Amino acid sequence: MKVRIKFTKTGHMKFVGHLDTMRYFQKAIRRANLPVAFSGGYSPHMIMSFAAPLGVGTTSQGEYFDMELTETVPTDIIEQRLNDAMVSGVTVCSARQVEDGKASTAMALVAAADYFVCFREGKEPSDYDWQKHIPEFLEQSEITVTKKTKRSEKIIDIRPFIYKMHAVDNGVFMQLASASSNYTKPELVLDTFLKWLGEEPKAFAYMIERREVYANKGNEESPRFVSLEALGDKVE
């Protein structure tokens, strides 16, 4: 049985890195007494994979990982047992059975993600009406940035990777490309927007929350984004 777990990561847990989050869930799965499957060989490990690493300091309402069980367990029981083993700052939202196979793993499916970004107190742009300029920013045919790699720098157009961007309350909602080939950070988009406004981005200015992660069930020309949770089924 292959199961997809959706969980939130808030509070002090936002400072726990991706690898430590993986280790935390491995221990929680053991405490929950779930029949998790292990790989073979000399160094067996739990068969599980996370959809997309979350940056340190970022909170989330929609994180995912897949794991394999050696027997069928009702999804409500999986959710209950895991929540009984959770610490403050992590809550399991749902468990869903998903298709077997590498092509259906959460990591392989990730195509887009929703974010909410706001400014820390004292780090806001000097332009009080900065939010009203977002539609004009998106009207550009190209939004170029310089991306640095270990070996070189290259100029890329990130406009095709900004699916949505609009003002919400005191911040910005963004839906951005998140596949491995076009992963776009919300910090990069907002930095670029501020520079376009003539503002210099301040260090540690943003508070970022990832709200959902999606698979694309359409194509590049006509994407149809579906949450990773919606691709699974409950099991009684």
Protein backbone atom coordinates (compact mmCIF):
# COMPACT_ATOMS: atom_id res chain seq x y z
CA MET A 1 0.00 0.00 0.00
CA LYS A 2 1.43 3.34 -1.04
CA VAL A 3 0.25 6.27 1.08
CA ARG A 4 0.58 10.03 0.62
CA ILE A 5 0.73 12.09 3.80
CA LYS A 6 -0.15 15.80 3.88
CA PHE A 7 1.10 17.78 6.86
CA THR A 8 1.58 21.32 8.11
CA LYS A 9 4.79 22.78 9.49
CA THR A 10 4.44 25.87 11.66
CA GLY A 11 5.80 27.61 14.73
CA HIS A 12 9.29 26.66 15.90
CA MET A 13 9.34 23.71 13.49
CA LYS A 14 9.91 26.10 10.58
CA PHE A 15 13.55 26.25 11.69
CA VAL A 16 14.01 22.48 11.28
CA GLY A 17 15.73 21.69 7.97
CA HIS A 18 14.58 19.22 5.35
CA LEU A 19 16.89 16.33 6.32
CA ASP A 20 15.99 16.65 9.99
CA THR A 21 12.29 16.72 9.05
CA MET A 22 12.79 13.44 7.19
CA ARG A 23 14.50 11.91 10.22
CA TYR A 24 11.74 13.20 12.49
CA PHE A 25 9.05 11.46 10.42
CA GLN A 26 11.03 8.23 10.28
CA LYS A 27 10.99 8.17 14.09
CA ALA A 28 7.33 9.25 14.23
CA ILE A 29 6.34 6.41 11.88
CA ARG A 30 8.03 3.95 14.21
CA ARG A 31 6.28 5.46 17.24
CA ALA A 32 2.97 5.26 15.35
CA ASN A 33 3.55 1.50 14.91
CA LEU A 34 2.76 1.60 11.20
CA PRO A 35 3.83 -1.37 9.01
CA VAL A 36 6.24 0.67 6.89
CA ALA A 37 8.14 -1.12 4.13
CA PHE A 38 11.95 -1.17 3.99
CA SER A 39 14.32 -1.48 1.06
CA GLY A 40 16.51 -4.55 0.68
CA GLY A 41 20.28 -4.83 0.70
CA TYR A 42 22.89 -4.33 3.41
CA SER A 43 21.54 -0.93 4.52
CA PRO A 44 17.72 -1.15 4.52
CA HIS A 45 15.84 2.12 4.85
CA MET A 46 12.20 3.17 4.96
CA ILE A 47 10.67 3.48 1.52
CA MET A 48 9.51 7.09 1.62
CA SER A 49 10.05 10.27 -0.41
CA PHE A 50 9.18 13.92 0.15
CA ALA A 51 7.53 16.02 -2.53
CA ALA A 52 9.62 19.21 -2.29
CA PRO A 53 12.15 20.44 0.29
CA LEU A 54 10.96 23.39 2.36
CA GLY A 55 13.43 26.18 3.06
CA VAL A 56 14.48 26.79 6.66
CA GLY A 57 12.34 29.54 8.19
CA THR A 58 9.40 28.87 5.85
CA THR A 59 6.09 27.72 7.29
CA SER A 60 3.68 25.53 5.35
CA GLN A 61 0.05 24.44 5.25
CA GLY A 62 0.63 21.82 2.58
CA GLU A 63 3.68 19.53 2.73
CA TYR A 64 3.71 15.98 1.38
CA PHE A 65 5.59 12.73 1.53
CA ASP A 66 4.87 9.23 0.22
CA MET A 67 5.57 6.01 2.08
CA GLU A 68 4.98 2.34 1.40
CA LEU A 69 3.29 0.01 3.88
CA THR A 70 3.50 -3.77 3.89
CA GLU A 71 -0.23 -4.12 4.48
CA THR A 72 -3.42 -2.13 3.95
CA VAL A 73 -4.35 0.19 6.82
CA PRO A 74 -7.42 2.50 6.84
CA THR A 75 -6.27 6.02 6.02
CA ASP A 76 -8.11 7.51 9.02
CA ILE A 77 -6.13 5.17 11.29
CA ILE A 78 -2.85 6.21 9.66
CA GLU A 79 -3.70 9.87 10.19
CA GLN A 80 -4.74 9.32 13.81
CA ARG A 81 -1.66 7.27 14.74
CA LEU A 82 0.72 9.78 13.18
CA ASN A 83 -0.95 12.75 14.88
CA ASP A 84 -0.67 10.95 18.20
CA ALA A 85 3.09 10.83 17.59
CA MET A 86 3.49 14.45 16.42
CA VAL A 87 5.11 17.32 18.30
CA SER A 88 3.80 20.88 18.47
CA GLY A 89 4.28 22.59 15.10
CA VAL A 90 3.56 19.55 12.90
CA THR A 91 0.04 18.30 12.14
CA VAL A 92 -0.94 15.53 9.75
CA CYS A 93 -3.89 16.77 7.66
CA SER A 94 -4.66 13.67 5.63
CA ALA A 95 -3.52 10.25 4.46
CA ARG A 96 -4.46 9.03 0.99
CA GLN A 97 -3.72 5.85 -0.92
CA VAL A 98 -2.02 6.59 -4.25
CA GLU A 99 -0.89 4.64 -7.28
CA ASP A 100 2.29 2.59 -7.18
CA GLY A 101 5.21 3.37 -9.47
CA LYS A 102 7.98 5.94 -9.74
CA ALA A 103 5.99 8.19 -12.11
CA SER A 104 3.33 8.67 -9.44
CA THR A 105 5.65 9.64 -6.58
CA ALA A 106 5.05 13.02 -4.98
CA MET A 107 8.55 14.22 -5.90
CA ALA A 108 8.07 13.39 -9.59
CA LEU A 109 4.61 14.99 -9.76
CA VAL A 110 5.39 18.43 -8.33
CA ALA A 111 4.67 21.15 -10.90
CA ALA A 112 3.55 24.24 -8.97
CA ALA A 113 3.08 25.64 -5.47
CA ASP A 114 1.10 28.38 -3.75
CA TYR A 115 2.80 30.89 -1.46
CA PHE A 116 1.79 33.78 0.74
CA VAL A 117 4.55 36.30 1.42
CA CYS A 118 4.43 39.36 3.66
CA PHE A 119 7.03 41.75 5.05
CA ARG A 120 8.47 41.75 8.53
CA GLU A 121 7.74 44.88 10.53
CA GLY A 122 10.12 47.64 9.52
CA LYS A 123 11.12 45.86 6.30
CA GLU A 124 8.21 47.07 4.13
CA PRO A 125 8.79 48.95 0.83
CA SER A 126 8.90 52.73 1.11
CA ASP A 127 6.03 53.00 -1.40
CA TYR A 128 2.89 52.70 0.72
CA ASP A 129 0.85 51.59 -2.33
CA TRP A 130 3.34 48.98 -3.57
CA GLN A 131 0.63 46.31 -3.98
CA LYS A 132 -1.21 48.28 -6.69
CA HIS A 133 1.80 47.93 -9.02
CA ILE A 134 1.62 44.11 -9.18
CA PRO A 135 -0.67 43.94 -12.28
CA GLU A 136 1.65 46.33 -14.15
CA PHE A 137 4.65 44.19 -13.17
CA LEU A 138 2.94 41.10 -14.62
CA GLU A 139 2.05 42.89 -17.87
CA GLN A 140 5.71 42.70 -18.92
CA SER A 141 6.32 40.24 -21.73
CA GLU A 142 9.59 39.22 -20.07
CA ILE A 143 10.87 39.35 -16.50
CA THR A 144 14.55 38.51 -16.67
CA VAL A 145 16.79 37.60 -13.76
CA THR A 146 20.37 36.41 -13.43
CA LYS A 147 20.59 32.94 -11.93
CA LYS A 148 23.90 31.88 -10.45
CA THR A 149 25.08 28.29 -10.44
CA LYS A 150 28.30 26.84 -9.03
CA ARG A 151 30.01 27.20 -12.39
CA SER A 152 28.33 30.06 -14.21
CA GLU A 153 25.63 32.69 -14.45
CA LYS A 154 22.78 32.80 -16.91
CA ILE A 155 19.92 35.16 -17.65
CA ILE A 156 16.48 33.56 -17.67
CA ASP A 157 12.93 34.80 -18.16
CA ILE A 158 10.82 33.89 -15.12
CA ARG A 159 7.57 35.40 -16.43
CA PRO A 160 6.30 32.03 -17.77
CA PHE A 161 6.86 30.52 -14.31
CA ILE A 162 4.67 33.05 -12.46
CA TYR A 163 1.20 31.55 -12.86
CA LYS A 164 -0.55 33.89 -10.43
CA MET A 165 0.44 36.91 -8.37
CA HIS A 166 -1.86 39.32 -6.58
CA ALA A 167 -2.21 41.32 -3.39
CA VAL A 168 -3.77 39.61 -0.36
CA ASP A 169 -4.24 41.47 2.92
CA ASN A 170 -0.81 42.92 3.78
CA GLY A 171 1.16 40.66 1.44
CA VAL A 172 1.26 38.81 -1.86
CA PHE A 173 -0.20 35.50 -3.03
CA MET A 174 1.86 33.72 -5.68
CA GLN A 175 1.44 30.49 -7.61
CA LEU A 176 4.83 29.57 -9.05
CA ALA A 177 6.42 26.79 -11.06
CA SER A 178 8.02 24.20 -8.77
CA ALA A 179 9.20 21.37 -11.01
CA SER A 180 12.90 20.57 -10.81
CA SER A 181 13.45 22.07 -14.27
CA ASN A 182 11.77 25.44 -13.59
CA TYR A 183 11.67 25.79 -9.80
CA THR A 184 11.03 29.44 -8.98
CA LYS A 185 11.56 30.80 -5.48
CA PRO A 186 9.06 33.34 -4.10
CA GLU A 187 11.99 35.35 -2.71
CA LEU A 188 13.40 35.70 -6.23
CA VAL A 189 10.08 36.92 -7.63
CA LEU A 190 9.56 39.46 -4.87
CA ASP A 191 13.17 40.68 -5.03
CA THR A 192 12.73 41.20 -8.78
CA PHE A 193 9.45 43.02 -8.23
CA LEU A 194 10.99 45.37 -5.66
CA LYS A 195 13.95 46.14 -7.91
CA TRP A 196 11.50 46.89 -10.72
CA LEU A 197 9.85 49.37 -8.33
CA GLY A 198 13.25 50.95 -7.68
CA GLU A 199 13.46 49.51 -4.16
CA GLU A 200 16.47 47.66 -2.80
CA PRO A 201 15.34 44.36 -1.19
CA LYS A 202 16.19 44.23 2.50
CA ALA A 203 17.84 41.22 4.12
CA PHE A 204 15.48 38.84 5.93
CA ALA A 205 12.50 40.98 4.91
CA TYR A 206 10.03 38.23 4.04
CA MET A 207 7.83 35.87 6.00
CA ILE A 208 6.92 33.01 3.64
CA GLU A 209 4.24 30.36 3.92
CA ARG A 210 3.80 27.59 1.36
CA ARG A 211 0.09 26.84 1.16
CA GLU A 212 -0.29 24.02 -1.36
CA VAL A 213 1.67 21.86 -3.82
CA TYR A 214 0.26 20.77 -7.17
CA ALA A 215 0.68 18.26 -9.97
CA ASN A 216 -0.09 19.27 -13.55
CA LYS A 217 -2.73 17.01 -15.10
CA GLY A 218 -2.82 19.11 -18.27
CA ASN A 219 0.18 20.20 -20.34
CA GLU A 220 2.63 23.11 -20.46
CA GLU A 221 0.41 25.15 -22.80
CA SER A 222 -2.80 24.47 -20.84
CA PRO A 223 -1.88 23.46 -17.30
CA ARG A 224 -4.50 21.94 -15.01
CA PHE A 225 -3.16 21.98 -11.49
CA VAL A 226 -4.46 19.45 -8.98
CA SER A 227 -3.30 19.22 -5.37
CA LEU A 228 -1.21 16.17 -4.54
CA GLU A 229 -3.79 15.28 -1.90
CA ALA A 230 -6.59 15.15 -4.50
CA LEU A 231 -4.72 12.47 -6.48
CA GLY A 232 -5.25 9.91 -3.69
CA ASP A 233 -8.20 8.09 -2.18
CA LYS A 234 -9.38 7.37 1.32
CA VAL A 235 -9.37 3.73 2.38
CA GLU A 236 -11.90 2.48 4.90
